[in-house]
Amino acid sequence: MSIPSPKFLGAALLAALVALGAPQALAQPAPPLGADDGRLYVFGGPAGLVAQKNDQLSGERGGGALIAGAGWKLLPYLSIEGGLFFAARGLDTPAATTPPAGTFQNTPDTTIGTGGGYVSIKGHFQAGPLEPYVGLGVGRYSSEWRTTTEAPGCQRDCADTGPRITSTSRDTGYHLAVGTDYRFLRRNAISVEVRQLKLDARFDDIGVGKVHAGGTLLWVGYRRYFF
């Protein structure tokens, strides 16, 4: 018996592939990155805060924030997520929260810290390794006003040793987010997001009144998908 030539074997293999429909399968494009990335994901990262201004305050300075949480993809283009939010900003101490003269030294230090949790719904769009999204959310936040001073005559470690004025406000806030994920691996992504947070706090007990405690955030984070 003679051994079939390589040309004959190649032709036979090609005929078998045609019969099995392999060329059609090979011709189909590869699935887009992230097509089987899983539904559950966690995320976290820092953000810069551009504080919303208030007419009765001065010297309001942008601060930092931290956003982290988890989400679930209901559909390839729709997800729901819950997160935790923490932010802080500085400002000039107004007369209303300045302790009586002679009870402290140097200039009082005032900050507004905000923390809470939120839920949001997001719409996703596939664009290769990029996945742009838009989101709407609502949260419950606690904002704390803190004015601290240095005790008269203090020489070392003087921060927050003098009179202190604090107030806490618990309020509902809303946000709109626009961002994109960049999938550098099938289940790993770097995220960049711009978020506008609408949040009003009330510090009536210390004579400050209503304060816009929200602002614009630029968030950069890491997102990890699971099953």
Protein backbone atom coordinates (compact mmCIF):
# COMPACT_ATOMS: atom_id res chain seq x y z
CA MET A 1 0.00 0.00 0.00
CA SER A 2 1.34 3.38 -1.00
CA ILE A 3 1.45 6.26 1.50
CA PRO A 4 -0.84 9.22 0.48
CA SER A 5 1.05 12.28 -0.59
CA PRO A 6 0.99 15.45 1.59
CA LYS A 7 -0.99 17.23 -1.16
CA PHE A 8 -3.65 14.50 -1.02
CA LEU A 9 -3.83 14.66 2.79
CA GLY A 10 -4.20 18.45 2.69
CA ALA A 11 -7.04 18.22 0.19
CA ALA A 12 -8.79 15.58 2.30
CA LEU A 13 -8.44 17.71 5.46
CA LEU A 14 -9.86 20.75 3.65
CA ALA A 15 -12.84 18.71 2.45
CA ALA A 16 -13.50 17.51 6.00
CA LEU A 17 -13.38 21.05 7.38
CA VAL A 18 -15.84 22.21 4.73
CA ALA A 19 -18.18 19.38 5.65
CA LEU A 20 -18.01 20.33 9.35
CA GLY A 21 -18.54 24.03 8.67
CA ALA A 22 -15.18 25.03 10.17
CA PRO A 23 -14.45 27.79 7.65
CA GLN A 24 -17.66 29.56 8.68
CA ALA A 25 -16.69 29.30 12.35
CA LEU A 26 -13.17 30.50 11.65
CA ALA A 27 -14.52 33.42 9.66
CA GLN A 28 -16.61 34.71 12.58
CA PRO A 29 -15.01 37.64 14.44
CA ALA A 30 -13.59 37.07 17.89
CA PRO A 31 -15.90 38.08 20.75
CA PRO A 32 -15.27 41.65 21.97
CA LEU A 33 -13.12 42.12 25.02
CA GLY A 34 -15.30 41.82 28.10
CA ALA A 35 -18.05 39.78 26.41
CA ASP A 36 -17.71 37.04 29.05
CA ASP A 37 -16.33 39.20 31.85
CA GLY A 38 -18.85 38.06 34.44
CA ARG A 39 -21.65 39.93 36.18
CA LEU A 40 -20.45 40.66 39.70
CA TYR A 41 -17.81 43.37 40.07
CA VAL A 42 -16.11 45.40 42.75
CA PHE A 43 -14.46 48.78 42.36
CA GLY A 44 -12.53 51.41 44.26
CA GLY A 45 -10.30 54.41 43.85
CA PRO A 46 -9.57 58.04 44.79
CA ALA A 47 -11.20 61.19 43.41
CA GLY A 48 -10.48 64.88 43.29
CA LEU A 49 -13.28 67.18 44.43
CA VAL A 50 -14.09 70.63 43.04
CA ALA A 51 -16.34 71.98 45.78
CA GLN A 52 -19.63 73.70 44.99
CA LYS A 53 -19.52 77.29 46.24
CA ASN A 54 -21.68 78.94 48.92
CA ASP A 55 -22.47 82.65 49.06
CA GLN A 56 -22.13 82.87 52.85
CA LEU A 57 -18.71 81.13 52.90
CA SER A 58 -15.28 82.03 51.53
CA GLY A 59 -12.06 80.29 50.66
CA GLU A 60 -13.75 77.00 49.79
CA ARG A 61 -11.08 74.63 48.53
CA GLY A 62 -11.36 71.44 46.57
CA GLY A 63 -10.48 68.33 48.47
CA GLY A 64 -10.14 64.60 48.06
CA ALA A 65 -12.61 61.74 48.02
CA LEU A 66 -12.75 57.96 48.01
CA ILE A 67 -15.38 55.91 46.18
CA ALA A 68 -15.69 52.11 46.46
CA GLY A 69 -18.40 49.49 46.14
CA ALA A 70 -19.80 46.57 44.17
CA GLY A 71 -22.19 46.09 41.27
CA TRP A 72 -24.15 43.53 39.31
CA LYS A 73 -24.71 43.50 35.55
CA LEU A 74 -28.38 42.79 35.00
CA LEU A 75 -27.79 42.86 31.23
CA PRO A 76 -24.68 43.48 29.08
CA TYR A 77 -25.76 47.12 28.80
CA LEU A 78 -27.38 47.66 32.22
CA SER A 79 -26.06 47.37 35.77
CA ILE A 80 -26.96 48.36 39.31
CA GLU A 81 -24.40 49.13 41.97
CA GLY A 82 -24.02 50.25 45.55
CA GLY A 83 -21.12 52.20 46.91
CA LEU A 84 -19.54 54.07 49.78
CA PHE A 85 -18.46 57.67 49.46
CA PHE A 86 -16.09 59.76 51.61
CA ALA A 87 -14.92 63.32 50.89
CA ALA A 88 -13.39 66.30 52.67
CA ARG A 89 -12.85 69.96 51.85
CA GLY A 90 -11.42 73.02 53.53
CA LEU A 91 -12.64 76.62 53.83
CA ASP A 92 -12.02 79.84 55.68
CA THR A 93 -13.58 79.86 59.13
CA PRO A 94 -16.62 82.17 59.16
CA ALA A 95 -17.34 84.52 62.06
CA ALA A 96 -20.28 82.33 63.12
CA THR A 97 -17.97 79.44 64.06
CA THR A 98 -14.98 81.41 65.36
CA PRO A 99 -14.55 80.88 69.14
CA PRO A 100 -14.34 83.96 71.39
CA ALA A 101 -11.12 85.94 71.18
CA GLY A 102 -8.55 84.96 73.77
CA THR A 103 -9.66 81.33 73.93
CA PHE A 104 -7.33 80.18 71.15
CA GLN A 105 -4.20 81.12 69.25
CA ASN A 106 -3.43 81.39 65.53
CA THR A 107 -6.12 80.82 62.88
CA PRO A 108 -8.95 78.29 63.36
CA ASP A 109 -9.06 75.39 60.94
CA THR A 110 -12.41 74.46 59.35
CA THR A 111 -13.31 71.43 57.23
CA ILE A 112 -16.47 69.79 55.96
CA GLY A 113 -16.33 66.00 55.78
CA THR A 114 -19.00 63.98 53.99
CA GLY A 115 -19.58 60.25 54.05
CA GLY A 116 -22.37 57.85 53.17
CA GLY A 117 -23.72 55.21 50.87
CA TYR A 118 -25.51 55.29 47.54
CA VAL A 119 -27.16 53.13 44.90
CA SER A 120 -27.10 53.85 41.19
CA ILE A 121 -28.18 52.43 37.85
CA LYS A 122 -25.84 52.57 34.86
CA GLY A 123 -26.15 52.14 31.11
CA HIS A 124 -23.12 50.67 29.29
CA PHE A 125 -21.94 50.85 25.68
CA GLN A 126 -19.40 48.52 24.07
CA ALA A 127 -16.59 50.05 21.99
CA GLY A 128 -13.88 47.40 21.85
CA PRO A 129 -11.71 47.58 25.00
CA LEU A 130 -13.55 50.78 26.02
CA GLU A 131 -16.92 50.59 27.74
CA PRO A 132 -18.42 54.08 28.15
CA TYR A 133 -21.28 54.45 30.62
CA VAL A 134 -23.71 56.93 32.15
CA GLY A 135 -25.28 56.60 35.58
CA LEU A 136 -27.83 58.11 37.94
CA GLY A 137 -27.83 57.58 41.68
CA VAL A 138 -29.26 58.53 45.05
CA GLY A 139 -27.59 58.29 48.43
CA ARG A 140 -27.85 59.08 52.11
CA TYR A 141 -24.96 61.16 53.43
CA SER A 142 -23.74 62.57 56.72
CA SER A 143 -21.89 65.91 56.53
CA GLU A 144 -19.85 67.12 59.48
CA TRP A 145 -18.71 70.69 60.04
CA ARG A 146 -15.59 70.86 62.19
CA THR A 147 -13.80 73.99 63.36
CA THR A 148 -10.76 73.32 65.52
CA THR A 149 -8.28 75.63 67.23
CA GLU A 150 -5.01 75.66 69.14
CA ALA A 151 -4.99 76.25 72.88
CA PRO A 152 -3.42 79.55 74.04
CA GLY A 153 0.27 79.18 74.81
CA CYS A 154 0.56 75.70 73.26
CA GLN A 155 4.04 75.07 71.81
CA ARG A 156 3.95 71.49 70.45
CA ASP A 157 1.25 69.27 68.88
CA CYS A 158 -1.26 72.10 69.15
CA ALA A 159 -3.83 71.05 66.54
CA ASP A 160 -7.33 70.59 67.99
CA THR A 161 -6.28 71.43 71.54
CA GLY A 162 -8.43 74.57 71.90
CA PRO A 163 -12.18 75.20 71.62
CA ARG A 164 -13.96 73.11 69.00
CA ILE A 165 -17.21 73.77 67.11
CA THR A 166 -18.93 70.90 65.31
CA SER A 167 -22.26 70.16 63.65
CA THR A 168 -23.65 67.18 61.74
CA SER A 169 -26.30 67.09 59.01
CA ARG A 170 -27.84 63.95 57.49
CA ASP A 171 -29.31 64.45 54.04
CA THR A 172 -30.24 62.79 50.76
CA GLY A 173 -28.06 63.52 47.75
CA TYR A 174 -28.23 62.79 44.03
CA HIS A 175 -25.54 62.29 41.42
CA LEU A 176 -25.04 62.05 37.67
CA ALA A 177 -21.98 60.22 36.37
CA VAL A 178 -20.33 59.87 32.95
CA GLY A 179 -17.29 57.66 32.52
CA THR A 180 -15.59 54.81 30.75
CA ASP A 181 -13.90 51.53 31.62
CA TYR A 182 -10.76 50.45 29.80
CA ARG A 183 -10.40 46.68 29.90
CA PHE A 184 -6.73 45.84 29.88
CA LEU A 185 -7.62 42.22 30.69
CA ARG A 186 -10.92 40.42 30.18
CA ARG A 187 -12.00 40.81 33.80
CA ASN A 188 -9.94 43.83 34.83
CA ALA A 189 -10.54 47.48 34.00
CA ILE A 190 -9.27 50.95 34.76
CA SER A 191 -12.12 53.43 35.17
CA VAL A 192 -12.26 57.20 34.70
CA GLU A 193 -15.43 59.02 35.75
CA VAL A 194 -16.76 62.55 36.13
CA ARG A 195 -19.50 62.75 38.77
CA GLN A 196 -21.70 65.68 39.73
CA LEU A 197 -23.02 65.34 43.29
CA LYS A 198 -25.98 67.46 44.40
CA LEU A 199 -26.06 67.51 48.19
CA ASP A 200 -27.31 70.18 50.59
CA ALA A 201 -26.49 70.09 54.30
CA ARG A 202 -27.94 72.22 57.09
CA PHE A 203 -25.82 73.62 59.91
CA ASP A 204 -28.44 75.87 61.49
CA ASP A 205 -27.36 75.03 65.04
CA ILE A 206 -24.00 76.81 64.55
CA GLY A 207 -25.39 79.74 62.55
CA VAL A 208 -24.15 78.72 59.11
CA GLY A 209 -27.46 77.62 57.57
CA LYS A 210 -27.76 75.59 54.37
CA VAL A 211 -24.51 74.59 52.70
CA HIS A 212 -23.96 73.06 49.28
CA ALA A 213 -21.86 70.08 50.32
CA GLY A 214 -21.60 68.49 46.88
CA GLY A 215 -19.51 69.33 43.85
CA THR A 216 -17.77 67.85 40.82
CA LEU A 217 -15.57 64.79 41.21
CA LEU A 218 -12.98 63.24 38.91
CA TRP A 219 -12.64 59.60 39.93
CA VAL A 220 -9.97 57.14 38.76
CA GLY A 221 -10.40 53.57 39.95
CA TYR A 222 -9.93 49.87 39.39
CA ARG A 223 -12.81 47.53 38.55
CA ARG A 224 -12.61 43.75 38.88
CA TYR A 225 -15.23 41.39 37.42
CA PHE A 226 -16.05 37.93 38.77
CA PHE A 227 -18.52 35.19 37.87
